[in-house]
Amino acid sequence: MSGIWLFTVIVLGVGFIIFTTAKLKLQPFLSLLFAAFLVGIFAGLPLNTVVESVNDGFGGLMGYIGIVIVAGTIIGTILEKSGAALRMAEVVLRLVGEKRPQLAMSLIGAIVSIPVFCDSGYVILSSLKKALAKRAKVALASMSVALATGLYATHTLVPPTPGPIAAAGNIGASDYLGTIILIGMIVAIPTILAGYLWAIKVASKIKIEGEEELDLDYDEIVKSFGELPSTFKSFAPIVLPILLIGAGSVVSFFQWKGGAAEILLFIGSPVVALLIGVLAAFALMPKWNEETLNGWVTQGMKDATNILLITGAGGAFGSVIKATPVAELIQGIADGGLLSGALVLLIPFVVAALLKSAQGSSTAALVITSSLIAPLLPQMGIDGAVPLALVVMAIGAGAMTVSHVNDSYFWVVTQFSGMKVTDAYKAQTAATLVQGLTALVFTLLLWIILV
């Protein structure tokens, strides 16, 4: 099958994923797998090719990023359970100052969400957010949105968060993780600021019922968590892998040779760097016993399971699409000049935004979109560290747009802040729209400047 019929089959496959996940609430792993087989069969691929493509796509992607995702989630779990996330929050608050509480919460969220899922990060920091709002005498809704949008920005843009890592693996950019981290941080800065400005300009006008009666003391809440880890130990599991990956990227870029260069390339590979981060996280454990070395690590592995399966199924779906003649179809469109310049980035943004808004999960939107567009990139001449990193940013921007009632994170923010649903639409949903568009605009600007 080729031409318009092939395009129709792929579109129907995406529609099947949206319908089964959004309406039937089918687990995305099964939805992606079923879609992979259906697209392959109806596209006219030989049946054995369909099976091989599914197996190769699933296994090949896990070979790139499976260990990285597991290591990242283990680090996040240890940071959460050891109190290191709270220590990081305290440090940021001291640096920024209590006179700018919303900015402090935005930055705290952005840092914590790099290894910790944004849902968990919001729950961990919720009581501190409320106590700080009372102490600083600012609207609780404003603090809630500042924290939520800070968490959200890095969750969709900055590795080693699983979503961006999965997207990088799907489009063949796993070797450029250092560049993706750097560009992700650059794009995340204005995105965080957009959420912060929305928090102080819009969310501050929203009143949450009963917020005046909150009886919370910031210092007492911090003390209730017991003795927190040191600042160095708390930041090390995040900062160390990022520095190592960055060093490896520099060596690779300049093509340095020699024993030292080989060592830096080894420890700077994402798998080794994240495993070193896990070892650094072990220093956060209050004691080494079955509860921590086994229980905490096992919990991290359980948290990674769902993401691994969805990511692998996304790889299978993408592999089936690559096995079809879709490349010839895309080449024809590209030769016609319809896919050129910054327009290239609008495609993944729109696809990811539609998927996010339809089925709710940012991670699923990142995985599915990257699988869909992977065959397009070589045909449009998109290759290399910076262009592929900007594609990941465009997908991440779309995966922010928008968080509403079918997104579990929307309900975490709503329930833990006490906002009414109608107010949450004005505060949280609208803020994620602003953030997504901001991330897209700055990604387009970087494309114009760097590509």
Protein backbone atom coordinates (compact mmCIF):
# COMPACT_ATOMS: atom_id res chain seq x y z
CA MET A 1 0.00 0.00 0.00
CA SER A 2 1.22 3.50 -0.77
CA GLY A 3 0.10 7.07 -1.33
CA ILE A 4 -3.02 8.46 0.27
CA TRP A 5 -4.22 5.04 1.41
CA LEU A 6 -1.08 4.40 3.40
CA PHE A 7 -1.40 7.83 4.98
CA THR A 8 -5.04 7.04 5.84
CA VAL A 9 -4.05 3.76 7.51
CA ILE A 10 -1.45 5.52 9.67
CA VAL A 11 -3.92 8.25 10.65
CA LEU A 12 -6.51 5.62 11.55
CA GLY A 13 -3.85 3.85 13.62
CA VAL A 14 -3.23 7.01 15.59
CA GLY A 15 -6.99 7.49 15.93
CA PHE A 16 -7.26 3.96 17.29
CA ILE A 17 -4.64 4.77 19.95
CA ILE A 18 -6.45 7.96 20.97
CA PHE A 19 -9.87 6.28 21.08
CA THR A 20 -8.79 3.23 23.06
CA THR A 21 -6.72 5.18 25.58
CA ALA A 22 -8.98 8.23 26.01
CA LYS A 23 -12.44 6.66 25.69
CA LEU A 24 -11.99 2.99 26.55
CA LYS A 25 -9.23 3.69 29.09
CA LEU A 26 -7.14 0.85 27.65
CA GLN A 27 -3.58 0.73 28.94
CA PRO A 28 -1.36 2.59 26.41
CA PHE A 29 1.02 -0.39 26.20
CA LEU A 30 -1.66 -2.65 24.73
CA SER A 31 -3.13 0.15 22.63
CA LEU A 32 0.25 0.82 20.99
CA LEU A 33 0.93 -2.87 20.39
CA PHE A 34 -2.50 -3.48 18.85
CA ALA A 35 -2.09 -0.38 16.68
CA ALA A 36 1.33 -1.57 15.52
CA PHE A 37 -0.10 -4.89 14.31
CA LEU A 38 -3.19 -3.31 12.74
CA VAL A 39 -1.20 -0.67 10.84
CA GLY A 40 1.27 -3.28 9.61
CA ILE A 41 -1.44 -5.67 8.43
CA PHE A 42 -3.66 -3.08 6.76
CA ALA A 43 -0.64 -1.40 5.15
CA GLY A 44 -0.05 -4.68 3.33
CA LEU A 45 3.22 -5.68 4.96
CA PRO A 46 4.07 -9.41 4.93
CA LEU A 47 2.86 -10.92 8.21
CA ASN A 48 6.32 -12.12 9.22
CA THR A 49 7.65 -8.58 8.58
CA VAL A 50 5.01 -7.18 10.93
CA VAL A 51 6.10 -9.54 13.70
CA GLU A 52 9.79 -8.86 13.11
CA SER A 53 9.22 -5.10 13.11
CA VAL A 54 7.32 -5.24 16.41
CA ASN A 55 10.00 -7.38 18.06
CA ASP A 56 12.90 -5.35 16.68
CA GLY A 57 11.28 -2.04 17.54
CA PHE A 58 10.51 -3.04 21.12
CA GLY A 59 13.82 -4.72 21.82
CA GLY A 60 15.95 -2.21 19.95
CA LEU A 61 14.63 0.75 21.89
CA MET A 62 15.01 -1.02 25.22
CA GLY A 63 18.64 -1.68 24.30
CA TYR A 64 19.16 2.09 23.98
CA ILE A 65 17.37 3.47 26.99
CA GLY A 66 15.89 0.70 29.14
CA ILE A 67 18.61 0.79 31.81
CA VAL A 68 18.70 4.60 31.70
CA ILE A 69 14.99 4.83 32.51
CA VAL A 70 15.22 2.32 35.35
CA ALA A 71 18.28 4.04 36.85
CA GLY A 72 16.56 7.43 36.62
CA THR A 73 13.44 6.24 38.41
CA ILE A 74 15.51 4.57 41.16
CA ILE A 75 17.34 7.87 41.74
CA GLY A 76 13.99 9.69 41.89
CA THR A 77 12.55 7.23 44.40
CA ILE A 78 15.58 7.51 46.70
CA LEU A 79 15.51 11.33 46.50
CA GLU A 80 11.83 11.23 47.43
CA LYS A 81 12.05 8.77 50.33
CA SER A 82 15.30 10.08 51.85
CA GLY A 83 14.11 13.68 52.11
CA ALA A 84 16.72 14.89 49.61
CA ALA A 85 13.99 16.56 47.53
CA LEU A 86 13.02 18.61 50.56
CA ARG A 87 16.65 19.56 51.19
CA MET A 88 16.91 20.79 47.59
CA ALA A 89 13.74 22.82 48.12
CA GLU A 90 15.20 24.43 51.23
CA VAL A 91 18.42 25.35 49.44
CA VAL A 92 16.58 26.99 46.54
CA LEU A 93 14.33 28.88 48.96
CA ARG A 94 17.35 30.27 50.82
CA LEU A 95 19.01 31.34 47.56
CA VAL A 96 15.95 32.98 46.01
CA GLY A 97 14.61 34.44 49.23
CA GLU A 98 11.17 34.36 50.83
CA LYS A 99 10.31 37.73 49.28
CA ARG A 100 9.82 35.91 45.97
CA PRO A 101 7.99 32.78 47.13
CA GLN A 102 6.37 31.95 43.78
CA LEU A 103 9.70 32.12 41.96
CA ALA A 104 11.22 29.91 44.65
CA MET A 105 8.45 27.33 44.20
CA SER A 106 8.85 27.38 40.40
CA LEU A 107 12.60 26.76 40.65
CA ILE A 108 12.14 24.13 43.36
CA GLY A 109 9.67 22.27 41.15
CA ALA A 110 11.94 22.51 38.11
CA ILE A 111 14.89 20.98 39.96
CA VAL A 112 12.96 18.26 41.78
CA SER A 113 11.12 17.11 38.63
CA ILE A 114 14.29 16.27 36.70
CA PRO A 115 14.56 12.88 38.43
CA VAL A 116 11.21 12.75 40.31
CA PHE A 117 7.87 12.42 38.51
CA CYS A 118 5.92 15.67 38.62
CA ASP A 119 2.95 13.99 40.35
CA SER A 120 5.17 12.70 43.15
CA GLY A 121 7.09 15.96 43.35
CA TYR A 122 3.88 17.93 43.84
CA VAL A 123 2.69 15.63 46.61
CA ILE A 124 6.07 15.77 48.40
CA LEU A 125 6.22 19.58 48.33
CA SER A 126 2.52 20.29 48.84
CA SER A 127 2.63 20.92 52.61
CA LEU A 128 5.73 23.12 52.29
CA LYS A 129 4.00 25.10 49.55
CA LYS A 130 0.98 25.74 51.77
CA ALA A 131 3.09 26.73 54.77
CA LEU A 132 5.22 29.07 52.68
CA ALA A 133 2.10 30.67 51.16
CA LYS A 134 0.78 31.38 54.65
CA ARG A 135 4.12 32.76 55.86
CA ALA A 136 4.61 34.98 52.79
CA LYS A 137 0.91 36.00 52.78
CA VAL A 138 0.38 35.20 49.10
CA ALA A 139 -2.54 33.42 47.43
CA LEU A 140 -2.37 29.65 47.76
CA ALA A 141 -3.52 29.21 44.15
CA SER A 142 -0.58 31.32 43.01
CA MET A 143 1.89 29.12 44.90
CA SER A 144 0.17 25.98 43.62
CA VAL A 145 0.45 26.99 39.98
CA ALA A 146 4.05 28.18 40.43
CA LEU A 147 5.03 24.78 41.83
CA ALA A 148 2.96 22.82 39.30
CA THR A 149 4.34 24.63 36.26
CA GLY A 150 7.93 24.43 37.51
CA LEU A 151 7.58 20.68 37.91
CA TYR A 152 5.86 20.37 34.53
CA ALA A 153 8.53 22.19 32.49
CA THR A 154 11.46 19.89 33.23
CA HIS A 155 9.19 16.84 33.30
CA THR A 156 8.61 17.19 29.55
CA LEU A 157 11.85 18.83 28.40
CA VAL A 158 14.91 17.76 30.41
CA PRO A 159 16.44 14.26 30.60
CA PRO A 160 16.87 12.07 32.59
CA THR A 161 13.10 12.43 32.94
CA PRO A 162 11.78 9.30 31.14
CA GLY A 163 9.60 11.07 28.54
CA PRO A 164 12.36 13.08 26.84
CA ILE A 165 14.74 10.11 27.06
CA ALA A 166 12.16 7.89 25.34
CA ALA A 167 11.61 10.49 22.62
CA ALA A 168 15.37 10.75 22.06
CA GLY A 169 15.65 6.99 21.73
CA ASN A 170 12.77 6.77 19.26
CA ILE A 171 14.23 9.35 16.88
CA GLY A 172 17.78 7.95 17.11
CA ALA A 173 19.22 10.69 19.32
CA SER A 174 20.35 8.59 22.28
CA ASP A 175 23.99 9.42 21.54
CA TYR A 176 23.22 13.13 21.86
CA LEU A 177 21.74 13.07 25.35
CA GLY A 178 24.20 15.68 26.62
CA THR A 179 23.10 18.13 23.94
CA ILE A 180 19.44 17.38 24.66
CA ILE A 181 19.97 18.08 28.37
CA LEU A 182 21.68 21.40 27.59
CA ILE A 183 19.08 22.57 25.09
CA GLY A 184 16.31 21.25 27.33
CA MET A 185 17.55 23.45 30.15
CA ILE A 186 17.76 26.46 27.82
CA VAL A 187 14.18 25.97 26.60
CA ALA A 188 12.96 25.17 30.11
CA ILE A 189 14.08 28.57 31.49
CA PRO A 190 11.55 30.74 29.58
CA THR A 191 8.97 27.97 29.97
CA ILE A 192 9.36 28.06 33.76
CA LEU A 193 9.21 31.85 33.74
CA ALA A 194 5.99 31.72 31.70
CA GLY A 195 4.41 29.51 34.35
CA TYR A 196 5.73 31.79 37.10
CA LEU A 197 4.28 34.90 35.45
CA TRP A 198 0.93 33.17 35.01
CA ALA A 199 1.01 32.23 38.69
CA ILE A 200 1.56 35.80 39.90
CA LYS A 201 -0.60 37.58 37.31
CA VAL A 202 -3.60 35.24 36.97
CA ALA A 203 -3.60 32.53 39.64
CA SER A 204 -3.00 35.08 42.41
CA LYS A 205 -6.53 36.41 41.80
CA ILE A 206 -8.09 33.03 42.58
CA LYS A 207 -9.21 32.39 46.15
CA ILE A 208 -9.18 28.86 47.53
CA GLU A 209 -11.86 28.14 50.10
CA GLY A 210 -10.43 27.89 53.61
CA GLU A 211 -6.89 29.04 52.79
CA GLU A 212 -7.08 31.78 55.47
CA GLU A 213 -7.69 29.11 58.10
CA LEU A 214 -4.61 27.04 57.30
CA ASP A 215 -2.65 26.39 60.48
CA LEU A 216 0.74 25.45 59.06
CA ASP A 217 4.21 26.42 60.22
CA TYR A 218 6.98 26.07 57.64
CA ASP A 219 9.74 25.31 60.16
CA GLU A 220 7.61 22.74 61.95
CA ILE A 221 6.80 20.97 58.70
CA VAL A 222 10.49 20.76 57.75
CA LYS A 223 11.34 19.41 61.22
CA SER A 224 8.60 16.79 60.94
CA PHE A 225 10.56 15.08 58.17
CA GLY A 226 13.42 14.43 60.56
CA GLU A 227 17.08 14.97 59.80
CA LEU A 228 17.49 15.78 56.11
CA PRO A 229 20.54 14.80 54.02
CA SER A 230 23.27 17.36 53.36
CA THR A 231 23.04 19.69 50.38
CA PHE A 232 25.95 18.01 48.60
CA LYS A 233 24.50 14.52 49.00
CA SER A 234 21.04 15.69 47.93
CA PHE A 235 22.14 17.30 44.66
CA ALA A 236 24.86 14.78 43.74
CA PRO A 237 22.58 12.08 42.23
CA ILE A 238 21.19 14.65 39.77
CA VAL A 239 24.18 16.88 39.10
CA LEU A 240 26.81 14.13 38.79
CA PRO A 241 25.17 12.21 35.89
CA ILE A 242 24.42 15.45 34.04
CA LEU A 243 28.04 16.59 34.35
CA LEU A 244 29.35 13.19 33.25
CA ILE A 245 27.03 13.05 30.23
CA GLY A 246 28.02 16.60 29.37
CA ALA A 247 31.73 15.76 29.58
CA GLY A 248 31.23 12.74 27.35
CA SER A 249 29.36 14.88 24.82
CA VAL A 250 32.21 17.40 24.73
CA VAL A 251 34.78 14.66 24.11
CA SER A 252 32.62 13.19 21.36
CA PHE A 253 32.02 16.59 19.73
CA PHE A 254 35.71 17.50 19.57
CA GLN A 255 36.67 13.90 18.76
CA TRP A 256 39.45 13.88 21.32
CA LYS A 257 41.60 10.75 21.45
CA GLY A 258 43.64 9.03 24.13
CA GLY A 259 43.14 7.12 27.36
CA ALA A 260 41.56 9.99 29.28
CA ALA A 261 39.12 10.63 26.44
CA GLU A 262 38.11 6.97 26.38
CA ILE A 263 37.46 7.02 30.12
CA LEU A 264 35.34 10.17 29.82
CA LEU A 265 33.37 8.62 26.96
CA PHE A 266 32.80 5.52 29.08
CA ILE A 267 31.62 7.25 32.26
CA GLY A 268 29.80 9.86 30.18
CA SER A 269 27.64 7.32 28.39
CA PRO A 270 24.06 7.69 29.71
CA VAL A 271 23.88 4.14 31.10
CA VAL A 272 27.12 4.43 33.10
CA ALA A 273 26.44 8.04 34.17
CA LEU A 274 22.99 7.17 35.53
CA LEU A 275 24.31 4.08 37.32
CA ILE A 276 26.95 6.30 38.95
CA GLY A 277 24.05 8.55 39.94
CA VAL A 278 22.37 5.53 41.56
CA LEU A 279 25.54 4.87 43.57
CA ALA A 280 25.56 8.53 44.65
CA ALA A 281 21.92 8.16 45.69
CA PHE A 282 22.86 5.24 47.96
CA ALA A 283 24.69 7.76 50.16
CA LEU A 284 21.29 9.34 50.90
CA MET A 285 19.92 6.21 52.55
CA PRO A 286 19.67 6.58 56.34
CA LYS A 287 20.83 2.98 56.66
CA TRP A 288 21.66 0.13 54.36
CA ASN A 289 19.26 -2.71 54.96
CA GLU A 290 16.54 -4.68 53.25
CA GLU A 291 14.06 -1.79 53.48
CA THR A 292 16.31 0.65 51.63
CA LEU A 293 18.66 -1.37 49.41
CA ASN A 294 15.85 -3.70 48.40
CA GLY A 295 12.56 -1.93 49.16
CA TRP A 296 13.37 1.55 47.86
CA VAL A 297 15.16 0.23 44.79
CA THR A 298 12.33 -2.21 44.05
CA GLN A 299 9.82 0.63 44.29
CA GLY A 300 11.85 2.60 41.76
CA MET A 301 11.89 -0.39 39.43
CA LYS A 302 8.11 -0.76 39.77
CA ASP A 303 7.67 2.92 38.91
CA ALA A 304 9.78 2.35 35.79
CA THR A 305 7.81 -0.66 34.58
CA ASN A 306 4.87 1.20 33.06
CA ILE A 307 7.14 3.69 31.29
CA LEU A 308 9.38 0.93 29.96
CA LEU A 309 6.43 -0.97 28.51
CA ILE A 310 4.86 2.10 26.92
CA THR A 311 8.22 3.18 25.54
CA GLY A 312 8.94 -0.26 24.11
CA ALA A 313 5.48 -0.48 22.55
CA GLY A 314 6.02 2.99 21.07
CA GLY A 315 9.24 1.72 19.55
CA ALA A 316 7.37 -1.24 18.07
CA PHE A 317 4.74 1.07 16.57
CA GLY A 318 7.41 3.30 15.08
CA SER A 319 9.30 0.30 13.69
CA VAL A 320 6.20 -0.93 11.85
CA ILE A 321 5.65 2.51 10.34
CA LYS A 322 9.27 2.59 9.18
CA ALA A 323 8.75 -0.79 7.48
CA THR A 324 5.97 0.65 5.29
CA PRO A 325 6.64 2.75 2.17
CA VAL A 326 5.89 5.87 4.23
CA ALA A 327 9.41 7.17 3.57
CA GLU A 328 8.65 7.48 -0.15
CA LEU A 329 5.42 9.33 0.63
CA ILE A 330 7.22 11.73 2.96
CA GLN A 331 10.00 12.26 0.42
CA GLY A 332 7.41 13.32 -2.14
CA ILE A 333 5.93 15.84 0.29
CA ALA A 334 9.39 17.12 1.21
CA ASP A 335 10.37 17.49 -2.45
CA GLY A 336 7.25 19.58 -2.92
CA GLY A 337 8.58 22.07 -0.39
CA LEU A 338 5.75 21.54 2.10
CA LEU A 339 8.11 20.45 4.85
CA SER A 340 10.90 22.95 5.24
CA GLY A 341 12.43 25.35 7.73
CA ALA A 342 10.72 25.88 11.05
CA LEU A 343 7.57 24.13 9.76
CA VAL A 344 9.40 20.88 10.45
CA LEU A 345 9.03 21.52 14.19
CA LEU A 346 5.34 22.40 13.99
CA ILE A 347 4.47 18.86 12.92
CA PRO A 348 5.74 17.08 16.07
CA PHE A 349 4.35 19.89 18.23
CA VAL A 350 0.84 19.62 16.82
CA VAL A 351 0.82 15.81 16.89
CA ALA A 352 2.04 15.73 20.50
CA ALA A 353 -0.44 18.43 21.55
CA LEU A 354 -3.34 16.52 20.00
CA LEU A 355 -2.27 13.29 21.68
CA LYS A 356 -1.71 14.98 25.03
CA SER A 357 -5.05 16.75 25.01
CA ALA A 358 -6.85 13.60 23.87
CA GLN A 359 -5.42 10.97 26.20
CA GLY A 360 -3.86 12.94 29.07
CA SER A 361 -0.39 11.46 29.54
CA SER A 362 2.59 13.64 28.63
CA THR A 363 4.93 10.64 28.61
CA ALA A 364 2.64 8.70 26.26
CA ALA A 365 2.39 11.75 23.99
CA LEU A 366 6.20 12.01 23.87
CA VAL A 367 6.60 8.30 23.11
CA ILE A 368 3.87 8.03 20.47
CA THR A 369 4.76 11.26 18.68
CA SER A 370 8.46 10.45 18.50
CA SER A 371 7.59 7.01 17.09
CA LEU A 372 5.36 8.57 14.45
CA ILE A 373 7.77 11.23 13.24
CA ALA A 374 10.97 9.16 13.35
CA PRO A 375 10.61 8.05 9.69
CA LEU A 376 10.10 11.68 8.60
CA LEU A 377 13.37 13.01 9.94
CA PRO A 378 15.89 11.37 7.58
CA GLN A 379 13.70 12.27 4.59
CA MET A 380 13.76 15.92 5.64
CA GLY A 381 17.51 15.88 6.20
CA ILE A 382 17.24 16.28 9.98
CA ASP A 383 20.29 14.72 11.57
CA GLY A 384 22.91 15.59 14.14
CA ALA A 385 22.85 16.60 17.80
CA VAL A 386 21.26 20.07 17.70
CA PRO A 387 18.49 19.46 15.10
CA LEU A 388 17.41 16.22 16.79
CA ALA A 389 17.53 17.87 20.23
CA LEU A 390 15.23 20.63 18.96
CA VAL A 391 12.83 18.00 17.61
CA VAL A 392 12.68 16.50 21.13
CA MET A 393 11.94 20.00 22.47
CA ALA A 394 9.11 20.49 19.96
CA ILE A 395 7.59 17.16 21.01
CA GLY A 396 7.99 18.09 24.68
CA ALA A 397 6.31 21.45 24.09
CA GLY A 398 3.36 19.69 22.50
CA ALA A 399 3.25 17.16 25.35
CA MET A 400 2.56 20.07 27.74
CA THR A 401 -0.44 21.29 25.77
CA VAL A 402 -2.73 21.00 27.68
CA SER A 403 -3.25 19.43 31.13
CA HIS A 404 -6.95 19.04 31.90
CA VAL A 405 -9.43 16.58 33.42
CA ASN A 406 -8.11 13.47 31.63
CA ASP A 407 -4.61 14.09 33.04
CA SER A 408 -3.80 12.59 36.46
CA TYR A 409 -1.47 15.50 37.16
CA PHE A 410 -4.37 17.93 36.79
CA TRP A 411 -6.20 16.13 39.58
CA VAL A 412 -3.11 15.96 41.79
CA VAL A 413 -2.73 19.74 41.52
CA THR A 414 -6.46 20.31 42.03
CA GLN A 415 -6.89 18.03 45.03
CA PHE A 416 -3.69 18.96 46.86
CA SER A 417 -4.28 22.69 46.38
CA GLY A 418 -8.01 22.70 47.09
CA MET A 419 -8.89 24.53 43.86
CA LYS A 420 -12.28 24.08 42.25
CA VAL A 421 -12.21 22.46 38.82
CA THR A 422 -13.38 25.65 37.11
CA ASP A 423 -10.61 27.61 38.83
CA ALA A 424 -8.08 24.93 37.94
CA TYR A 425 -8.97 25.36 34.26
CA LYS A 426 -8.20 29.07 34.53
CA ALA A 427 -5.05 28.54 36.57
CA GLN A 428 -3.45 25.19 35.69
CA THR A 429 -4.86 24.28 32.26
CA ALA A 430 -4.36 27.75 30.83
CA ALA A 431 -0.87 27.88 32.33
CA THR A 432 0.13 24.65 30.56
CA LEU A 433 -1.14 26.13 27.26
CA VAL A 434 1.01 29.21 27.80
CA GLN A 435 3.99 27.03 28.73
CA GLY A 436 3.62 24.80 25.68
CA LEU A 437 3.43 27.74 23.30
CA THR A 438 6.38 29.44 25.02
CA ALA A 439 8.50 26.30 24.71
CA LEU A 440 7.56 26.04 21.02
CA VAL A 441 8.43 29.69 20.29
CA PHE A 442 11.86 29.41 21.90
CA THR A 443 12.50 26.09 20.17
CA LEU A 444 11.72 27.74 16.83
CA LEU A 445 14.06 30.62 17.68
CA LEU A 446 16.87 28.19 18.52
CA TRP A 447 16.24 26.40 15.22
CA ILE A 448 16.60 29.66 13.31
CA ILE A 449 19.78 30.56 15.22
CA LEU A 450 21.54 27.19 15.41
CA VAL A 451 20.40 25.12 12.43
